[in-house]
C-alpha cells in the first residue's frame, strides 16, 4: 500500500462521519419539530375539550331550566283562573256597592 491509501480511507471516513452528522442533525431537527407540533396539538385538544365541557354544562343548565309547552299551558290556566277570580270579586264588590248606594 502506498502512503496515499490510508489517507484516502481517512478522508472517506471523515466525509462519511460528516454526512452522518449532517443527517443526524436534520433528523434531530425534524424530531424536535414533531415534538413541538405534538405539544401544540395536545394543548389545542385540551382547549377544545374544555370548550366542549363548557358547552355541555351550558346545554344541561338550559335543558334543566327550559320552559315546556305543558308548563306554559299550566301557567296560562292559572293566570286565567286568577283573573276570573279577580273579575268575580270585582263584580261582587260592585254589586254590594251598588246595593249599598241604592238604599
PDB file of N, CA and C in Angstrom:
ATOM      1  N   UNK A   1       0.841  -1.167   0.000  1.00  0.00           N
ATOM      2  CA  UNK A   1       0.000   0.000   0.000  1.00  0.00           C
ATOM      3  C   UNK A   1       0.888   1.231   0.000  1.00  0.00           C
ATOM      4  N   UNK A   2       0.337   2.193  -0.612  1.00  0.00           N
ATOM      5  CA  UNK A   2       1.095   3.431  -0.671  1.00  0.00           C
ATOM      6  C   UNK A   2       0.659   4.334   0.460  1.00  0.00           C
ATOM      7  N   UNK A   3       1.344   5.396   0.603  1.00  0.00           N
ATOM      8  CA  UNK A   3       1.004   6.381   1.630  1.00  0.00           C
ATOM      9  C   UNK A   3      -0.353   7.006   1.340  1.00  0.00           C
ATOM     10  N   UNK A   4      -0.705   7.032   0.099  1.00  0.00           N
ATOM     11  CA  UNK A   4      -1.948   7.668  -0.289  1.00  0.00           C
ATOM     12  C   UNK A   4      -3.154   6.839   0.127  1.00  0.00           C
ATOM     13  N   UNK A   5      -3.047   5.536   0.252  1.00  0.00           N
ATOM     14  CA  UNK A   5      -4.148   4.640   0.596  1.00  0.00           C
ATOM     15  C   UNK A   5      -4.759   4.949   1.946  1.00  0.00           C
ATOM     16  N   UNK A   6      -3.985   4.987   3.046  1.00  0.00           N
ATOM     17  CA  UNK A   6      -4.581   5.284   4.355  1.00  0.00           C
ATOM     18  C   UNK A   6      -5.149   6.693   4.415  1.00  0.00           C
ATOM     19  N   UNK A   7      -4.515   7.621   3.708  1.00  0.00           N
ATOM     20  CA  UNK A   7      -5.019   8.995   3.716  1.00  0.00           C
ATOM     21  C   UNK A   7      -6.373   9.059   3.018  1.00  0.00           C
ATOM     22  N   UNK A   8      -6.552   8.324   1.949  1.00  0.00           N
ATOM     23  CA  UNK A   8      -7.816   8.294   1.223  1.00  0.00           C
ATOM     24  C   UNK A   8      -8.902   7.667   2.086  1.00  0.00           C
ATOM     25  N   UNK A   9      -8.546   6.616   2.803  1.00  0.00           N
ATOM     26  CA  UNK A   9      -9.508   5.960   3.698  1.00  0.00           C
ATOM     27  C   UNK A   9      -9.908   6.911   4.814  1.00  0.00           C
ATOM     28  N   UNK A  10      -8.946   7.631   5.366  1.00  0.00           N
ATOM     29  CA  UNK A  10      -9.243   8.586   6.438  1.00  0.00           C
ATOM     30  C   UNK A  10     -10.152   9.704   5.924  1.00  0.00           C
ATOM     31  N   UNK A  11      -9.885  10.184   4.721  1.00  0.00           N
ATOM     32  CA  UNK A  11     -10.742  11.216   4.134  1.00  0.00           C
ATOM     33  C   UNK A  11     -12.159  10.694   3.884  1.00  0.00           C
ATOM     34  N   UNK A  12     -12.248   9.454   3.402  1.00  0.00           N
ATOM     35  CA  UNK A  12     -13.560   8.850   3.158  1.00  0.00           C
ATOM     36  C   UNK A  12     -14.321   8.683   4.470  1.00  0.00           C
ATOM     37  N   UNK A  13     -13.616   8.240   5.517  1.00  0.00           N
ATOM     38  CA  UNK A  13     -14.258   8.088   6.828  1.00  0.00           C
ATOM     39  C   UNK A  13     -14.696   9.447   7.383  1.00  0.00           C
ATOM     40  N   UNK A  14     -13.882  10.454   7.229  1.00  0.00           N
ATOM     41  CA  UNK A  14     -14.232  11.790   7.710  1.00  0.00           C
ATOM     42  C   UNK A  14     -15.464  12.311   6.967  1.00  0.00           C
ATOM     43  N   UNK A  15     -15.480  12.077   5.655  1.00  0.00           N
ATOM     44  CA  UNK A  15     -16.642  12.515   4.877  1.00  0.00           C
ATOM     45  C   UNK A  15     -17.885  11.729   5.280  1.00  0.00           C
ATOM     46  N   UNK A  16     -17.727  10.457   5.534  1.00  0.00           N
ATOM     47  CA  UNK A  16     -18.841   9.621   5.994  1.00  0.00           C
ATOM     48  C   UNK A  16     -19.357  10.112   7.346  1.00  0.00           C
ATOM     49  N   UNK A  17     -18.420  10.435   8.270  1.00  0.00           N
ATOM     50  CA  UNK A  17     -18.819  10.966   9.579  1.00  0.00           C
ATOM     51  C   UNK A  17     -19.560  12.294   9.420  1.00  0.00           C
ATOM     52  N   UNK A  18     -19.037  13.165   8.580  1.00  0.00           N
ATOM     53  CA  UNK A  18     -19.665  14.458   8.367  1.00  0.00           C
ATOM     54  C   UNK A  18     -21.067  14.276   7.792  1.00  0.00           C
ATOM     55  N   UNK A  19     -21.208  13.418   6.813  1.00  0.00           N
ATOM     56  CA  UNK A  19     -22.528  13.142   6.224  1.00  0.00           C
ATOM     57  C   UNK A  19     -23.490  12.578   7.254  1.00  0.00           C
ATOM     58  N   UNK A  20     -22.972  11.677   8.090  1.00  0.00           N
ATOM     59  CA  UNK A  20     -23.802  11.091   9.148  1.00  0.00           C
ATOM     60  C   UNK A  20     -24.213  12.158  10.155  1.00  0.00           C
ATOM     61  N   UNK A  21     -23.272  13.020  10.525  1.00  0.00           N
ATOM     62  CA  UNK A  21     -23.588  14.090  11.479  1.00  0.00           C
ATOM     63  C   UNK A  21     -24.638  15.047  10.914  1.00  0.00           C
ATOM     64  N   UNK A  22     -24.494  15.374   9.619  1.00  0.00           N
ATOM     65  CA  UNK A  22     -25.462  16.274   8.993  1.00  0.00           C
ATOM     66  C   UNK A  22     -26.845  15.638   8.977  1.00  0.00           C
ATOM     67  N   UNK A  23     -26.913  14.378   8.618  1.00  0.00           N
ATOM     68  CA  UNK A  23     -28.205  13.685   8.573  1.00  0.00           C
ATOM     69  C   UNK A  23     -28.812  13.534   9.970  1.00  0.00           C
ATOM     70  N   UNK A  24     -27.963  13.268  10.958  1.00  0.00           N
ATOM     71  CA  UNK A  24     -28.446  13.157  12.341  1.00  0.00           C
ATOM     72  C   UNK A  24     -28.986  14.498  12.826  1.00  0.00           C
ATOM     73  N   UNK A  25     -28.282  15.586  12.480  1.00  0.00           N
ATOM     74  CA  UNK A  25     -28.755  16.914  12.881  1.00  0.00           C
ATOM     75  C   UNK A  25     -30.102  17.214  12.220  1.00  0.00           C
ATOM     76  N   UNK A  26     -30.233  16.826  10.954  1.00  0.00           N
ATOM     77  CA  UNK A  26     -31.509  17.015  10.257  1.00  0.00           C
ATOM     78  C   UNK A  26     -32.630  16.218  10.911  1.00  0.00           C
ATOM     79  N   UNK A  27     -32.320  14.963  11.260  1.00  0.00           N
ATOM     80  CA  UNK A  27     -33.316  14.121  11.932  1.00  0.00           C
ATOM     81  C   UNK A  27     -33.681  14.686  13.304  1.00  0.00           C
ATOM     82  N   UNK A  28     -32.699  15.190  14.034  1.00  0.00           N
ATOM     83  CA  UNK A  28     -32.976  15.784  15.350  1.00  0.00           C
ATOM     84  C   UNK A  28     -33.862  17.012  15.206  1.00  0.00           C
ATOM     85  N   UNK A  29     -33.608  17.813  14.175  1.00  0.00           N
ATOM     86  CA  UNK A  29     -34.444  18.989  13.935  1.00  0.00           C
ATOM     87  C   UNK A  29     -35.874  18.603  13.601  1.00  0.00           C
ATOM     88  N   UNK A  30     -36.029  17.609  12.742  1.00  0.00           N
ATOM     89  CA  UNK A  30     -37.373  17.145  12.393  1.00  0.00           C
ATOM     90  C   UNK A  30     -38.085  16.567  13.606  1.00  0.00           C
ATOM     91  N   UNK A  31     -37.340  15.819  14.413  1.00  0.00           N
ATOM     92  CA  UNK A  31     -37.925  15.238  15.621  1.00  0.00           C
ATOM     93  C   UNK A  31     -38.352  16.333  16.598  1.00  0.00           C
ATOM     94  N   UNK A  32     -37.527  17.366  16.752  1.00  0.00           N
ATOM     95  CA  UNK A  32     -37.887  18.494  17.632  1.00  0.00           C
ATOM     96  C   UNK A  32     -39.142  19.191  17.111  1.00  0.00           C
ATOM     97  N   UNK A  33     -39.244  19.356  15.797  1.00  0.00           N
ATOM     98  CA  UNK A  33     -40.425  19.981  15.206  1.00  0.00           C
ATOM     99  C   UNK A  33     -41.662  19.123  15.443  1.00  0.00           C
ATOM    100  N   UNK A  34     -41.513  17.811  15.279  1.00  0.00           N
ATOM    101  CA  UNK A  34     -42.645  16.914  15.526  1.00  0.00           C
ATOM    102  C   UNK A  34     -43.085  16.959  16.986  1.00  0.00           C
ATOM    103  N   UNK A  35     -42.131  17.020  17.896  1.00  0.00           N
ATOM    104  CA  UNK A  35     -42.479  17.119  19.318  1.00  0.00           C
ATOM    105  C   UNK A  35     -43.192  18.438  19.615  1.00  0.00           C
ATOM    106  N   UNK A  36     -42.728  19.516  18.998  1.00  0.00           N
ATOM    107  CA  UNK A  36     -43.369  20.815  19.188  1.00  0.00           C
ATOM    108  C   UNK A  36     -44.801  20.783  18.653  1.00  0.00           C
ATOM    109  N   UNK A  37     -44.984  20.205  17.492  1.00  0.00           N
ATOM    110  CA  UNK A  37     -46.325  20.083  16.919  1.00  0.00           C
ATOM    111  C   UNK A  37     -47.217  19.214  17.801  1.00  0.00           C
ATOM    112  N   UNK A  38     -46.644  18.146  18.337  1.00  0.00           N
ATOM    113  CA  UNK A  38     -47.410  17.266  19.219  1.00  0.00           C
ATOM    114  C   UNK A  38     -47.876  18.019  20.465  1.00  0.00           C
ATOM    115  N   UNK A  39     -46.995  18.827  21.036  1.00  0.00           N
ATOM    116  CA  UNK A  39     -47.375  19.633  22.202  1.00  0.00           C
ATOM    117  C   UNK A  39     -48.480  20.620  21.833  1.00  0.00           C
ATOM    118  N   UNK A  40     -48.361  21.241  20.667  1.00  0.00           N
ATOM    119  CA  UNK A  40     -49.375  22.182  20.212  1.00  0.00           C
ATOM    120  C   UNK A  40     -50.723  21.491  20.041  1.00  0.00           C
ATOM    121  N   UNK A  41     -50.701  20.300  19.447  1.00  0.00           N
ATOM    122  CA  UNK A  41     -51.944  19.552  19.250  1.00  0.00           C
ATOM    123  C   UNK A  41     -52.540  19.125  20.591  1.00  0.00           C
ATOM    124  N   UNK A  42     -51.692  18.743  21.529  1.00  0.00           N
ATOM    125  CA  UNK A  42     -52.183  18.380  22.868  1.00  0.00           C
ATOM    126  C   UNK A  42     -52.851  19.572  23.545  1.00  0.00           C
ATOM    127  N   UNK A  43     -52.208  20.744  23.461  1.00  0.00           N
ATOM    128  CA  UNK A  43     -52.812  21.947  24.066  1.00  0.00           C
ATOM    129  C   UNK A  43     -54.133  22.296  23.390  1.00  0.00           C
ATOM    130  N   UNK A  44     -54.152  22.197  22.081  1.00  0.00           N
ATOM    131  CA  UNK A  44     -55.392  22.503  21.354  1.00  0.00           C
ATOM    132  C   UNK A  44     -56.486  21.500  21.699  1.00  0.00           C
ATOM    133  N   UNK A  45     -56.134  20.233  21.805  1.00  0.00           N
ATOM    134  CA  UNK A  45     -57.122  19.217  22.184  1.00  0.00           C
ATOM    135  C   UNK A  45     -57.650  19.492  23.590  1.00  0.00           C
ATOM    136  N   UNK A  46     -56.772  19.900  24.510  1.00  0.00           N
ATOM    137  CA  UNK A  46     -57.217  20.240  25.865  1.00  0.00           C
ATOM    138  C   UNK A  46     -58.159  21.438  25.838  1.00  0.00           C
ATOM    139  N   UNK A  47     -57.828  22.455  25.040  1.00  0.00           N
ATOM    140  CA  UNK A  47     -58.698  23.635  24.931  1.00  0.00           C
ATOM    141  C   UNK A  47     -60.066  23.255  24.360  1.00  0.00           C
ATOM    142  N   UNK A  48     -60.050  22.432  23.323  1.00  0.00           N
ATOM    143  CA  UNK A  48     -61.316  22.014  22.722  1.00  0.00           C
ATOM    144  C   UNK A  48     -62.130  21.153  23.679  1.00  0.00           C
ATOM    145  N   UNK A  49     -61.447  20.323  24.455  1.00  0.00           N
ATOM    146  CA  UNK A  49     -62.146  19.510  25.452  1.00  0.00           C
ATOM    147  C   UNK A  49     -62.794  20.403  26.500  1.00  0.00           C
ATOM    148  N   UNK A  50     -62.066  21.436  26.947  1.00  0.00           N
ATOM    149  CA  UNK A  50     -62.622  22.383  27.922  1.00  0.00           C
ATOM    150  C   UNK A  50     -63.827  23.118  27.335  1.00  0.00           C
ATOM    151  N   UNK A  51     -63.707  23.569  26.088  1.00  0.00           N
ATOM    152  CA  UNK A  51     -64.813  24.272  25.448  1.00  0.00           C
ATOM    153  C   UNK A  51     -66.029  23.361  25.307  1.00  0.00           C
ATOM    154  N   UNK A  52     -65.775  22.120  24.928  1.00  0.00           N
ATOM    155  CA  UNK A  52     -66.863  21.158  24.775  1.00  0.00           C
ATOM    156  C   UNK A  52     -67.547  20.903  26.112  1.00  0.00           C
ATOM    157  N   UNK A  53     -66.765  20.796  27.181  1.00  0.00           N
ATOM    158  CA  UNK A  53     -67.332  20.588  28.511  1.00  0.00           C
ATOM    159  C   UNK A  53     -68.156  21.801  28.937  1.00  0.00           C
ATOM    160  N   UNK A  54     -67.657  23.013  28.661  1.00  0.00           N
ATOM    161  CA  UNK A  54     -68.415  24.232  28.980  1.00  0.00           C
ATOM    162  C   UNK A  54     -69.743  24.268  28.229  1.00  0.00           C
ATOM    163  N   UNK A  55     -69.695  23.933  26.942  1.00  0.00           N
ATOM    164  CA  UNK A  55     -70.928  23.913  26.157  1.00  0.00           C
ATOM    165  C   UNK A  55     -71.895  22.850  26.657  1.00  0.00           C
ATOM    166  N   UNK A  56     -71.363  21.708  27.032  1.00  0.00           N
ATOM    167  CA  UNK A  56     -72.199  20.643  27.577  1.00  0.00           C
ATOM    168  C   UNK A  56     -72.846  21.082  28.885  1.00  0.00           C
ATOM    169  N   UNK A  57     -72.091  21.764  29.743  1.00  0.00           N
ATOM    170  CA  UNK A  57     -72.641  22.268  31.004  1.00  0.00           C
ATOM    171  C   UNK A  57     -73.740  23.305  30.734  1.00  0.00           C
ATOM    172  N   UNK A  58     -73.483  24.193  29.775  1.00  0.00           N
ATOM    173  CA  UNK A  58     -74.492  25.198  29.437  1.00  0.00           C
ATOM    174  C   UNK A  58     -75.754  24.555  28.883  1.00  0.00           C
ATOM    175  N   UNK A  59     -75.597  23.531  28.039  1.00  0.00           N
ATOM    176  CA  UNK A  59     -76.750  22.837  27.478  1.00  0.00           C
ATOM    177  C   UNK A  59     -77.542  22.139  28.579  1.00  0.00           C
ATOM    178  N   UNK A  60     -76.842  21.514  29.504  1.00  0.00           N
ATOM    179  CA  UNK A  60     -77.505  20.839  30.613  1.00  0.00           C
ATOM    180  C   UNK A  60     -78.299  21.837  31.449  1.00  0.00           C
ATOM    181  N   UNK A  61     -77.697  22.999  31.736  1.00  0.00           N
ATOM    182  CA  UNK A  61     -78.400  24.031  32.511  1.00  0.00           C
ATOM    183  C   UNK A  61     -79.614  24.546  31.747  1.00  0.00           C
ATOM    184  N   UNK A  62     -79.470  24.732  30.453  1.00  0.00           N
ATOM    185  CA  UNK A  62     -80.588  25.209  29.636  1.00  0.00           C
ATOM    186  C   UNK A  62     -81.715  24.187  29.604  1.00  0.00           C
ATOM    187  N   UNK A  63     -81.365  22.924  29.436  1.00  0.00           N
ATOM    188  CA  UNK A  63     -82.390  21.879  29.428  1.00  0.00           C
ATOM    189  C   UNK A  63     -83.088  21.782  30.776  1.00  0.00           C
ATOM    190  N   UNK A  64     -82.342  21.999  31.855  1.00  0.00           N
ATOM    191  CA  UNK A  64     -82.907  21.912  33.190  1.00  0.00           C
ATOM    192  C   UNK A  64     -83.870  23.071  33.447  1.00  0.00           C
ATOM    193  N   UNK A  65     -83.572  24.244  32.876  1.00  0.00           N
ATOM    194  CA  UNK A  65     -84.362  25.438  33.140  1.00  0.00           C
ATOM    195  C   UNK A  65     -85.351  25.776  32.027  1.00  0.00           C
ATOM    196  N   UNK A  66     -85.441  24.932  31.023  1.00  0.00           N
ATOM    197  CA  UNK A  66     -86.285  25.275  29.881  1.00  0.00           C
ATOM    198  C   UNK A  66     -87.762  25.284  30.259  1.00  0.00           C
ATOM    199  N   UNK A  67     -88.518  26.096  29.556  1.00  0.00           N
ATOM    200  CA  UNK A  67     -89.953  26.184  29.752  1.00  0.00           C
ATOM    201  C   UNK A  67     -90.612  25.340  28.662  1.00  0.00           C
ATOM    202  N   UNK A  68     -91.375  24.347  29.069  1.00  0.00           N
ATOM    203  CA  UNK A  68     -92.019  23.472  28.097  1.00  0.00           C
ATOM    204  C   UNK A  68     -93.422  23.981  27.779  1.00  0.00           C
ATOM    205  N   UNK A  69     -94.016  23.441  26.769  1.00  0.00           N
ATOM    206  CA  UNK A  69     -95.375  23.830  26.381  1.00  0.00           C
ATOM    207  C   UNK A  69     -96.353  23.505  27.505  1.00  0.00           C
ATOM    208  N   UNK A  70     -96.166  22.373  28.140  1.00  0.00           N
ATOM    209  CA  UNK A  70     -97.038  21.998  29.260  1.00  0.00           C
ATOM    210  C   UNK A  70     -96.955  23.000  30.392  1.00  0.00           C
ATOM    211  N   UNK A  71     -95.733  23.477  30.676  1.00  0.00           N
ATOM    212  CA  UNK A  71     -95.548  24.482  31.731  1.00  0.00           C
ATOM    213  C   UNK A  71     -96.260  25.779  31.356  1.00  0.00           C
ATOM    214  N   UNK A  72     -96.131  26.188  30.092  1.00  0.00           N
ATOM    215  CA  UNK A  72     -96.813  27.404  29.643  1.00  0.00           C
ATOM    216  C   UNK A  72     -98.327  27.245  29.721  1.00  0.00           C
ATOM    217  N   UNK A  73     -98.841  26.077  29.331  1.00  0.00           N
ATOM    218  CA  UNK A  73    -100.282  25.836  29.416  1.00  0.00           C
ATOM    219  C   UNK A  73    -100.771  25.916  30.860  1.00  0.00           C
ATOM    220  N   UNK A  74    -100.024  25.336  31.778  1.00  0.00           N
ATOM    221  CA  UNK A  74    -100.388  25.379  33.190  1.00  0.00           C
ATOM    222  C   UNK A  74    -100.372  26.812  33.707  1.00  0.00           C
ATOM    223  N   UNK A  75     -99.341  27.562  33.370  1.00  0.00           N
ATOM    224  CA  UNK A  75     -99.271  28.970  33.785  1.00  0.00           C
ATOM    225  C   UNK A  75    -100.452  29.761  33.216  1.00  0.00           C
ATOM    226  N   UNK A  76    -100.773  29.510  31.965  1.00  0.00           N
ATOM    227  CA  UNK A  76    -101.886  30.222  31.341  1.00  0.00           C
ATOM    228  C   UNK A  76    -103.201  29.904  32.055  1.00  0.00           C
ATOM    229  N   UNK A  77    -103.423  28.628  32.352  1.00  0.00           N
ATOM    230  CA  UNK A  77    -104.652  28.246  33.063  1.00  0.00           C
ATOM    231  C   UNK A  77    -104.715  28.895  34.438  1.00  0.00           C
ATOM    232  N   UNK A  78    -103.593  28.930  35.136  1.00  0.00           N
ATOM    233  CA  UNK A  78    -103.562  29.572  36.455  1.00  0.00           C
ATOM    234  C   UNK A  78    -103.833  31.068  36.337  1.00  0.00           C
ATOM    235  N   UNK A  79    -103.259  31.702  35.318  1.00  0.00           N
ATOM    236  CA  UNK A  79    -103.482  33.135  35.106  1.00  0.00           C
ATOM    237  C   UNK A  79    -104.949  33.413  34.791  1.00  0.00           C
ATOM    238  N   UNK A  80    -105.553  32.615  33.925  1.00  0.00           N
ATOM    239  CA  UNK A  80    -106.966  32.789  33.578  1.00  0.00           C
ATOM    240  C   UNK A  80    -107.836  32.575  34.813  1.00  0.00           C
ATOM    241  N   UNK A  81    -107.528  31.554  35.601  1.00  0.00           N
ATOM    242  CA  UNK A  81    -108.306  31.292  36.817  1.00  0.00           C
ATOM    243  C   UNK A  81    -108.188  32.458  37.793  1.00  0.00           C
ATOM    244  N   UNK A  82    -106.996  32.992  37.967  1.00  0.00           N
ATOM    245  CA  UNK A  82    -106.791  34.121  38.865  1.00  0.00           C
ATOM    246  C   UNK A  82    -107.528  35.365  38.367  1.00  0.00           C
ATOM    247  N   UNK A  83    -107.443  35.635  37.066  1.00  0.00           N
ATOM    248  CA  UNK A  83    -108.167  36.781  36.505  1.00  0.00           C
ATOM    249  C   UNK A  83    -109.677  36.597  36.640  1.00  0.00           C
ATOM    250  N   UNK A  84    -110.158  35.378  36.477  1.00  0.00           N
ATOM    251  CA  UNK A  84    -111.590  35.108  36.658  1.00  0.00           C
ATOM    252  C   UNK A  84    -112.001  35.365  38.095  1.00  0.00           C
ATOM    253  N   UNK A  85    -111.177  34.937  39.037  1.00  0.00           N
ATOM    254  CA  UNK A  85    -111.462  35.163  40.452  1.00  0.00           C
ATOM    255  C   UNK A  85    -111.469  36.653  40.783  1.00  0.00           C
ATOM    256  N   UNK A  86    -110.503  37.391  40.245  1.00  0.00           N
ATOM    257  CA  UNK A  86    -110.451  38.843  40.475  1.00  0.00           C
ATOM    258  C   UNK A  86    -111.678  39.517  39.859  1.00  0.00           C
ATOM    259  N   UNK A  87    -112.074  39.105  38.664  1.00  0.00           N
ATOM    260  CA  UNK A  87    -113.251  39.668  37.999  1.00  0.00           C
ATOM    261  C   UNK A  87    -114.517  39.370  38.797  1.00  0.00           C
ATOM    262  N   UNK A  88    -114.634  38.138  39.276  1.00  0.00           N
ATOM    263  CA  UNK A  88    -115.813  37.773  40.078  1.00  0.00           C
ATOM    264  C   UNK A  88    -115.853  38.592  41.361  1.00  0.00           C
ATOM    265  N   UNK A  89    -114.696  38.752  42.015  1.00  0.00           N
ATOM    266  CA  UNK A  89    -114.646  39.545  43.244  1.00  0.00           C
ATOM    267  C   UNK A  89    -114.996  41.001  42.955  1.00  0.00           C
ATOM    268  N   UNK A  90    -114.544  41.545  41.851  1.00  0.00           N
ATOM    269  CA  UNK A  90    -114.866  42.924  41.475  1.00  0.00           C
ATOM    270  C   UNK A  90    -116.357  43.058  41.194  1.00  0.00           C
ATOM    271  N   UNK A  91    -116.941  42.051  40.552  1.00  0.00           N
ATOM    272  CA  UNK A  91    -118.381  42.088  40.259  1.00  0.00           C
ATOM    273  C   UNK A  91    -119.191  42.042  41.549  1.00  0.00           C
ATOM    274  N   UNK A  92    -118.804  41.185  42.483  1.00  0.00           N
ATOM    275  CA  UNK A  92    -119.491  41.097  43.772  1.00  0.00           C
ATOM    276  C   UNK A  92    -119.349  42.427  44.506  1.00  0.00           C
ATOM    277  N   UNK A  93    -118.160  42.983  44.522  1.00  0.00           N
ATOM    278  CA  UNK A  93    -117.919  44.260  45.186  1.00  0.00           C
ATOM    279  C   UNK A  93    -118.751  45.371  44.550  1.00  0.00           C
ATOM    280  N   UNK A  94    -118.827  45.372  43.218  1.00  0.00           N
ATOM    281  CA  UNK A  94    -119.628  46.379  42.521  1.00  0.00           C
ATOM    282  C   UNK A  94    -121.101  46.205  42.856  1.00  0.00           C
ATOM    283  N   UNK A  95    -121.578  44.980  42.936  1.00  0.00           N
ATOM    284  CA  UNK A  95    -122.975  44.714  43.287  1.00  0.00           C
ATOM    285  C   UNK A  95    -123.267  45.178  44.702  1.00  0.00           C
ATOM    286  N   UNK A  96    -122.356  44.908  45.653  1.00  0.00           N
ATOM    287  CA  UNK A  96    -122.537  45.322  47.035  1.00  0.00           C
ATOM    288  C   UNK A  96    -122.530  46.831  47.138  1.00  0.00           C
ATOM    289  N   UNK A  97    -121.619  47.483  46.448  1.00  0.00           N
ATOM    290  CA  UNK A  97    -121.539  48.942  46.492  1.00  0.00           C
ATOM    291  C   UNK A  97    -122.798  49.551  45.872  1.00  0.00           C
ATOM    292  N   UNK A  98    -123.264  48.986  44.758  1.00  0.00           N
ATOM    293  CA  UNK A  98    -124.480  49.475  44.088  1.00  0.00           C
ATOM    294  C   UNK A  98    -125.689  49.296  45.017  1.00  0.00           C
ATOM    295  N   UNK A  99    -125.769  48.129  45.651  1.00  0.00           N
ATOM    296  CA  UNK A  99    -126.899  47.871  46.567  1.00  0.00           C
ATOM    297  C   UNK A  99    -126.830  48.805  47.764  1.00  0.00           C
ATOM    298  N   UNK A 100    -125.641  49.079  48.255  1.00  0.00           N
ATOM    299  CA  UNK A 100    -125.475  49.944  49.408  1.00  0.00           C
ATOM    300  C   UNK A 100    -125.853  51.396  49.040  1.00  0.00           C
ATOM    301  N   UNK A 101    -125.466  51.817  47.851  1.00  0.00           N
ATOM    302  CA  UNK A 101    -125.774  53.178  47.423  1.00  0.00           C
ATOM    303  C   UNK A 101    -127.255  53.324  47.041  1.00  0.00           C
ATOM    304  N   UNK A 102    -127.893  52.249  46.654  1.00  0.00           N
ATOM    305  CA  UNK A 102    -129.302  52.292  46.260  1.00  0.00           C
ATOM    306  C   UNK A 102    -130.204  52.469  47.467  1.00  0.00           C
ATOM    307  N   UNK A 103    -129.851  52.206  48.620  1.00  0.00           N
ATOM    308  CA  UNK A 103    -130.673  52.311  49.827  1.00  0.00           C
ATOM    309  C   UNK A 103    -130.872  53.697  50.223  1.00  0.00           C
TER     310      UNK A 103
END
